[in-house]
C-alpha atoms as a PDB file:
ATOM      1  CA  MET A   1      26.646  60.883   0.406  1.00  0.00           C
ATOM      2  CA  ASP A   2      26.950  60.486  -3.360  1.00  0.00           C
ATOM      3  CA  ILE A   3      25.313  57.081  -3.748  1.00  0.00           C
ATOM      4  CA  GLU A   4      25.823  56.958  -7.518  1.00  0.00           C
ATOM      5  CA  GLY A   5      29.556  57.574  -7.129  1.00  0.00           C
ATOM      6  CA  PHE A   6      29.635  54.981  -4.349  1.00  0.00           C
ATOM      7  CA  ARG A   7      27.844  52.447  -6.570  1.00  0.00           C
ATOM      8  CA  ALA A   8      30.219  53.059  -9.465  1.00  0.00           C
ATOM      9  CA  GLU A   9      33.306  52.633  -7.272  1.00  0.00           C
ATOM     10  CA  LEU A  10      31.874  49.501  -5.670  1.00  0.00           C
ATOM     11  CA  GLU A  11      31.011  47.984  -9.038  1.00  0.00           C
ATOM     12  CA  THR A  12      34.524  48.632 -10.364  1.00  0.00           C
ATOM     13  CA  ARG A  13      36.158  47.033  -7.349  1.00  0.00           C
ATOM     14  CA  LEU A  14      33.760  44.062  -7.341  1.00  0.00           C
ATOM     15  CA  LEU A  15      34.494  43.435 -11.026  1.00  0.00           C
ATOM     16  CA  ILE A  16      38.189  43.255 -10.167  1.00  0.00           C
ATOM     17  CA  GLU A  17      37.502  40.838  -7.292  1.00  0.00           C
ATOM     18  CA  LYS A  18      35.332  38.701  -9.563  1.00  0.00           C
ATOM     19  CA  GLU A  19      38.153  38.475 -12.112  1.00  0.00           C
ATOM     20  CA  TYR A  20      40.635  37.423  -9.405  1.00  0.00           C
ATOM     21  CA  ILE A  21      38.266  34.655  -8.322  1.00  0.00           C
ATOM     22  CA  ILE A  22      37.728  33.495 -11.921  1.00  0.00           C
ATOM     23  CA  GLN A  23      41.498  33.264 -12.386  1.00  0.00           C
ATOM     24  CA  GLU A  24      41.714  31.180  -9.231  1.00  0.00           C
ATOM     25  CA  LEU A  25      39.135  28.683 -10.545  1.00  0.00           C
ATOM     26  CA  SER A  26      41.625  26.907 -12.783  1.00  0.00           C
ATOM     27  CA  SER A  27      43.727  25.876  -9.778  1.00  0.00           C
ATOM     28  CA  ILE A  28      40.797  24.383  -7.826  1.00  0.00           C
ATOM     29  CA  ASN A  29      39.529  20.876  -8.568  1.00  0.00           C
ATOM     30  CA  ASP A  30      37.115  20.332  -5.686  1.00  0.00           C
ATOM     31  CA  GLU A  31      33.532  21.389  -6.501  1.00  0.00           C
ATOM     32  CA  LYS A  32      32.802  22.431  -2.913  1.00  0.00           C
ATOM     33  CA  GLU A  33      35.898  24.633  -2.837  1.00  0.00           C
ATOM     34  CA  LYS A  34      34.755  26.251  -6.075  1.00  0.00           C
ATOM     35  CA  LEU A  35      31.339  27.016  -4.616  1.00  0.00           C
ATOM     36  CA  ASP A  36      33.009  28.369  -1.467  1.00  0.00           C
ATOM     37  CA  LEU A  37      34.382  31.105  -3.716  1.00  0.00           C
ATOM     38  CA  LEU A  38      30.862  32.560  -3.830  1.00  0.00           C
ATOM     39  CA  GLY A  39      30.971  32.988  -0.068  1.00  0.00           C
ATOM     40  CA  ARG A  40      34.318  34.695  -0.371  1.00  0.00           C
ATOM     41  CA  PHE A  41      32.866  37.028  -3.000  1.00  0.00           C
ATOM     42  CA  ASN A  42      30.039  37.885  -0.608  1.00  0.00           C
ATOM     43  CA  GLU A  43      32.559  38.717   2.117  1.00  0.00           C
ATOM     44  CA  LYS A  44      34.487  40.914  -0.335  1.00  0.00           C
ATOM     45  CA  TYR A  45      31.255  42.774  -1.100  1.00  0.00           C
ATOM     46  CA  LYS A  46      30.733  43.567   2.585  1.00  0.00           C
ATOM     47  CA  GLU A  47      34.403  44.476   3.088  1.00  0.00           C
ATOM     48  CA  LEU A  48      34.412  46.785   0.077  1.00  0.00           C
ATOM     49  CA  ILE A  49      31.323  48.626   1.300  1.00  0.00           C
ATOM     50  CA  LYS A  50      33.051  49.300   4.620  1.00  0.00           C
ATOM     51  CA  ARG A  51      36.352  50.228   2.958  1.00  0.00           C
ATOM     52  CA  ILE A  52      34.791  52.658   0.478  1.00  0.00           C
ATOM     53  CA  ALA A  53      32.631  54.155   3.228  1.00  0.00           C
ATOM     54  CA  THR A  54      35.725  54.722   5.347  1.00  0.00           C
ATOM     55  CA  GLU A  55      37.515  56.312   2.387  1.00  0.00           C
ATOM     56  CA  GLU A  56      34.504  58.594   1.879  1.00  0.00           C
ATOM     57  CA  GLY A  57      34.280  59.450   5.579  1.00  0.00           C
ATOM     58  CA  ILE A  58      30.933  57.695   6.020  1.00  0.00           C
ATOM     59  CA  ASP A  59      30.097  56.034   9.328  1.00  0.00           C
ATOM     60  CA  VAL A  60      28.083  53.014   8.180  1.00  0.00           C
ATOM     61  CA  ASN A  61      26.535  52.642  11.633  1.00  0.00           C
ATOM     62  CA  ALA A  62      25.274  56.232  11.791  1.00  0.00           C
ATOM     63  CA  SER A  63      21.637  57.010  11.105  1.00  0.00           C
ATOM     64  CA  TYR A  64      20.916  58.114   7.589  1.00  0.00           C
ATOM     65  CA  SER A  65      19.517  61.619   7.541  1.00  0.00           C
ATOM     66  CA  ASN A  66      16.639  61.578   5.120  1.00  0.00           C
ATOM     67  CA  GLU A  67      15.222  64.691   3.473  1.00  0.00           C
ATOM     68  CA  ASN A  68      11.791  63.458   4.512  1.00  0.00           C
ATOM     69  CA  PRO A  69      11.675  63.866   8.322  1.00  0.00           C
ATOM     70  CA  SER A  70       8.177  62.390   8.514  1.00  0.00           C
ATOM     71  CA  ASN A  71       9.613  59.024   7.515  1.00  0.00           C
ATOM     72  CA  SER A  72       9.472  56.948  10.699  1.00  0.00           C
ATOM     73  CA  GLU A  73      12.116  54.448   9.560  1.00  0.00           C
ATOM     74  CA  ASN A  74      15.501  55.100  11.086  1.00  0.00           C
ATOM     75  CA  LEU A  75      17.936  53.381   8.737  1.00  0.00           C
ATOM     76  CA  THR A  76      21.713  53.338   8.967  1.00  0.00           C
ATOM     77  CA  TYR A  77      23.994  54.350   6.129  1.00  0.00           C
ATOM     78  CA  GLU A  78      24.966  50.681   5.792  1.00  0.00           C
ATOM     79  CA  GLN A  79      21.338  49.669   5.247  1.00  0.00           C
ATOM     80  CA  ILE A  80      20.876  52.408   2.645  1.00  0.00           C
ATOM     81  CA  ILE A  81      24.095  51.423   0.851  1.00  0.00           C
ATOM     82  CA  LEU A  82      23.167  47.730   0.878  1.00  0.00           C
ATOM     83  CA  GLY A  83      19.724  48.532  -0.512  1.00  0.00           C
ATOM     84  CA  LYS A  84      21.126  50.722  -3.274  1.00  0.00           C
ATOM     85  CA  THR A  85      23.965  48.370  -4.289  1.00  0.00           C
ATOM     86  CA  MET A  86      22.511  44.866  -3.864  1.00  0.00           C
ATOM     87  CA  ASN A  87      21.564  44.659  -7.549  1.00  0.00           C
ATOM     88  CA  ILE A  88      25.228  45.103  -8.500  1.00  0.00           C
ATOM     89  CA  TYR A  89      26.237  42.294  -6.164  1.00  0.00           C
ATOM     90  CA  ASP A  90      23.411  40.059  -7.416  1.00  0.00           C
ATOM     91  CA  LYS A  91      24.385  40.546 -11.052  1.00  0.00           C
ATOM     92  CA  LEU A  92      28.076  39.899 -10.476  1.00  0.00           C
ATOM     93  CA  SER A  93      27.545  36.929  -8.164  1.00  0.00           C
ATOM     94  CA  ASP A  94      25.180  35.375 -10.735  1.00  0.00           C
ATOM     95  CA  GLU A  95      27.864  35.823 -13.392  1.00  0.00           C
ATOM     96  CA  LEU A  96      30.444  34.311 -11.052  1.00  0.00           C
ATOM     97  CA  TYR A  97      28.166  31.362 -10.296  1.00  0.00           C
ATOM     98  CA  GLU A  98      27.801  30.713 -14.027  1.00  0.00           C
ATOM     99  CA  GLN A  99      31.591  30.768 -14.400  1.00  0.00           C
ATOM    100  CA  ILE A 100      32.077  28.419 -11.439  1.00  0.00           C
ATOM    101  CA  THR A 101      29.497  25.884 -12.546  1.00  0.00           C
ATOM    102  CA  SER A 102      30.562  25.899 -16.199  1.00  0.00           C
ATOM    103  CA  VAL A 103      34.254  25.177 -15.496  1.00  0.00           C
ATOM    104  CA  HIS A 104      34.963  21.451 -15.434  1.00  0.00           C
END
């Protein structure tokens, strides 16, 4: 698994999703509905991980084969991907939150 390529593809697609949500902000007046967009962004993050993994032929539920066999942790590909990409999600969701809370 090329995690750096995976991260780059995920970041590109999440940026696009973030822009779609920002465009949608202008048509929403209710503050709760605006904040609900963050939940939708989180769902998109999870969906995109699964979609990209499928495109790459990665079974997210399969055990990750580590080069270090003495490592007793038995993590799945999904757990590895989440760990390696969470900072991208955090950065973009923080930016989205700023956009949501600054629009009046």
